Amino acid sequence: MSLPVKRVPIGDVMPALVTAIAILAGAARAENGAGSDGIVPTSPVEHFKIYGFDKENGWRNWQLEGNKAVFSSDGSIDIAGMRLHIFEASDRQTANMLIESPRAVLDKERDSISGPDTIVMNSSGIFLGGENWTWRPDDRKLTIRTHTHAVIQGEIGPVLE
């Protein structure tokens, strides 16, 4: 038995992302000028999991997990042990891509997650790897700038659509 999917538009995802981490941490405090919503945790957040939703239909687009998140004074969030699940853009809500990196930085001003370290992406028989990467949730675009390599096995399917 599957549960029905409730479609709820949630507005701008990135400020909500920062707020969700702060609430989950239980260690949030208000600071003047710190982020667009004024709430920033003062200590690292460990073993977190947060979601991003489509602004139009409320479908879950992605799920970001990490071993540790450290909030910087510039509004960015340093993430250790990042795992990013990308979901099919439909009501099926099936994860069809996994992106992993030992280190990443969430930049809410640029609406992106990036990292200088190694990245590995796996999706339906397509494996990408490299360094110096950026993922943008709004246009679902992954850019790998250096030491990029790819292995394609079997049918490519809807990944390149």
Protein backbone atom coordinates (compact mmCIF):
# COMPACT_ATOMS: atom_id res chain seq x y z
CA MET A 1 0.00 0.00 0.00
CA SER A 2 1.43 3.37 -0.96
CA LEU A 3 0.59 6.63 0.70
CA PRO A 4 -0.84 9.46 -1.41
CA VAL A 5 1.56 12.23 -2.37
CA LYS A 6 0.48 15.61 -1.04
CA ARG A 7 1.46 18.41 -3.43
CA VAL A 8 2.18 21.61 -1.54
CA PRO A 9 4.07 24.54 -3.10
CA ILE A 10 6.60 25.74 -0.53
CA GLY A 11 8.12 28.81 -2.12
CA ASP A 12 11.83 29.48 -2.28
CA VAL A 13 13.71 26.30 -1.32
CA MET A 14 17.12 27.52 -0.18
CA PRO A 15 16.10 29.84 2.71
CA ALA A 16 13.75 27.07 3.88
CA LEU A 17 16.67 24.64 3.70
CA VAL A 18 18.76 26.73 6.09
CA THR A 19 15.82 27.11 8.46
CA ALA A 20 15.09 23.36 8.41
CA ILE A 21 18.66 22.50 9.36
CA ALA A 22 18.59 25.06 12.16
CA ILE A 23 15.37 23.63 13.57
CA LEU A 24 16.62 20.04 13.33
CA ALA A 25 19.81 20.97 15.13
CA GLY A 26 17.96 22.30 18.13
CA ALA A 27 20.81 24.76 18.61
CA ALA A 28 19.59 27.74 16.64
CA ARG A 29 19.92 31.31 17.79
CA ALA A 30 18.95 34.61 16.20
CA GLU A 31 21.70 36.87 14.96
CA ASN A 32 21.31 40.26 13.32
CA GLY A 33 22.25 40.08 9.65
CA ALA A 34 23.05 36.35 9.66
CA GLY A 35 21.29 34.92 6.62
CA SER A 36 18.03 36.07 5.12
CA ASP A 37 15.97 34.70 8.00
CA GLY A 38 18.28 35.61 10.91
CA ILE A 39 18.59 32.03 12.25
CA VAL A 40 21.96 30.26 12.21
CA PRO A 41 23.08 27.31 14.37
CA THR A 42 26.08 28.09 16.55
CA SER A 43 27.36 24.51 16.56
CA PRO A 44 27.71 21.85 13.84
CA VAL A 45 24.67 19.79 12.84
CA GLU A 46 25.42 16.07 12.62
CA HIS A 47 23.66 13.34 10.61
CA PHE A 48 21.05 15.51 8.94
CA LYS A 49 18.59 14.86 6.14
CA ILE A 50 16.59 17.58 4.39
CA TYR A 51 14.41 17.79 1.29
CA GLY A 52 13.91 20.17 -1.63
CA PHE A 53 10.54 20.50 -3.32
CA ASP A 54 9.35 21.68 -6.73
CA LYS A 55 7.95 25.22 -6.51
CA GLU A 56 5.14 24.51 -8.98
CA ASN A 57 3.67 21.17 -7.88
CA GLY A 58 5.23 20.38 -4.49
CA TRP A 59 6.93 17.14 -5.60
CA ARG A 60 10.09 16.16 -3.76
CA ASN A 61 13.00 16.98 -6.11
CA TRP A 62 15.97 16.09 -3.97
CA GLN A 63 17.12 14.85 -0.59
CA LEU A 64 20.38 16.11 0.89
CA GLU A 65 22.08 14.04 3.61
CA GLY A 66 25.33 14.65 5.35
CA ASN A 67 27.48 13.53 8.23
CA LYS A 68 28.09 17.10 9.40
CA ALA A 69 27.07 20.66 8.49
CA VAL A 70 28.99 23.73 9.67
CA PHE A 71 27.45 27.17 9.15
CA SER A 72 29.76 29.98 8.02
CA SER A 73 29.36 33.67 8.76
CA ASP A 74 29.02 34.37 5.00
CA GLY A 75 25.79 32.32 4.86
CA SER A 76 27.27 29.22 3.24
CA ILE A 77 27.10 25.75 4.79
CA ASP A 78 30.08 23.36 4.70
CA ILE A 79 28.92 19.74 4.43
CA ALA A 80 31.04 16.66 5.23
CA GLY A 81 30.01 13.28 3.82
CA MET A 82 27.41 14.59 1.36
CA ARG A 83 24.86 12.31 -0.30
CA LEU A 84 22.38 13.94 -2.66
CA HIS A 85 19.44 11.89 -3.98
CA ILE A 86 17.71 13.36 -7.06
CA PHE A 87 14.10 12.30 -7.62
CA GLU A 88 12.20 11.74 -10.85
CA ALA A 89 10.23 14.85 -11.82
CA SER A 90 6.85 13.15 -11.48
CA ASP A 91 4.34 11.98 -8.92
CA ARG A 92 6.14 8.59 -8.74
CA GLN A 93 8.74 10.10 -6.37
CA THR A 94 11.43 7.60 -7.33
CA ALA A 95 15.08 8.45 -6.66
CA ASN A 96 16.85 8.10 -10.01
CA MET A 97 20.26 9.63 -9.25
CA LEU A 98 22.75 9.61 -6.37
CA ILE A 99 25.56 12.16 -6.07
CA GLU A 100 28.21 11.67 -3.38
CA SER A 101 31.18 13.76 -2.30
CA PRO A 102 33.32 13.83 0.84
CA ARG A 103 32.97 17.62 1.04
CA ALA A 104 30.50 20.16 -0.33
CA VAL A 105 29.42 23.76 0.18
CA LEU A 106 25.79 24.86 0.02
CA ASP A 107 25.60 28.47 -1.20
CA LYS A 108 22.09 29.76 -0.61
CA GLU A 109 22.84 33.06 -2.38
CA ARG A 110 23.65 31.22 -5.64
CA ASP A 111 21.14 28.39 -5.06
CA SER A 112 23.83 25.76 -5.56
CA ILE A 113 25.81 22.99 -3.95
CA SER A 114 29.45 22.68 -5.03
CA GLY A 115 32.73 21.15 -4.05
CA PRO A 116 36.41 21.06 -4.97
CA ASP A 117 36.78 17.40 -4.01
CA THR A 118 35.90 14.19 -5.80
CA ILE A 119 32.32 13.62 -6.86
CA VAL A 120 30.67 10.37 -7.93
CA MET A 121 27.28 10.31 -9.68
CA ASN A 122 25.33 7.12 -10.35
CA SER A 123 22.12 7.00 -12.35
CA SER A 124 20.64 4.02 -14.20
CA GLY A 125 23.91 2.64 -15.54
CA ILE A 126 25.62 6.00 -15.99
CA PHE A 127 28.54 6.70 -13.69
CA LEU A 128 30.24 10.12 -13.66
CA GLY A 129 33.23 11.17 -11.63
CA GLY A 130 35.55 14.11 -11.31
CA GLU A 131 36.47 17.12 -9.24
CA ASN A 132 35.49 20.79 -8.93
CA TRP A 133 31.75 20.40 -9.38
CA THR A 134 28.47 22.33 -8.97
CA TRP A 135 24.85 21.19 -8.79
CA ARG A 136 22.00 23.66 -9.27
CA PRO A 137 18.61 22.41 -8.01
CA ASP A 138 16.47 24.92 -9.93
CA ASP A 139 17.56 23.68 -13.35
CA ARG A 140 18.70 20.20 -12.15
CA LYS A 141 22.14 20.75 -13.69
CA LEU A 142 25.36 19.02 -12.59
CA THR A 143 28.66 20.46 -13.87
CA ILE A 144 31.95 18.61 -13.31
CA ARG A 145 34.92 20.78 -14.33
CA THR A 146 38.11 18.72 -13.85
CA HIS A 147 39.26 15.10 -14.11
CA THR A 148 35.84 14.22 -15.52
CA HIS A 149 35.19 10.66 -16.61
CA ALA A 150 32.07 8.68 -17.52
CA VAL A 151 31.07 5.03 -17.79
CA ILE A 152 27.81 4.17 -19.53
CA GLN A 153 26.34 0.67 -19.22
CA GLY A 154 23.13 -0.51 -20.91
CA GLU A 155 20.38 1.82 -22.03
CA ILE A 156 20.65 5.50 -21.25
CA GLY A 157 16.91 6.14 -20.81
CA PRO A 158 15.44 9.43 -19.53
CA VAL A 159 18.59 10.65 -17.75
CA LEU A 160 19.69 12.78 -20.72
CA GLU A 161 16.25 14.27 -21.39
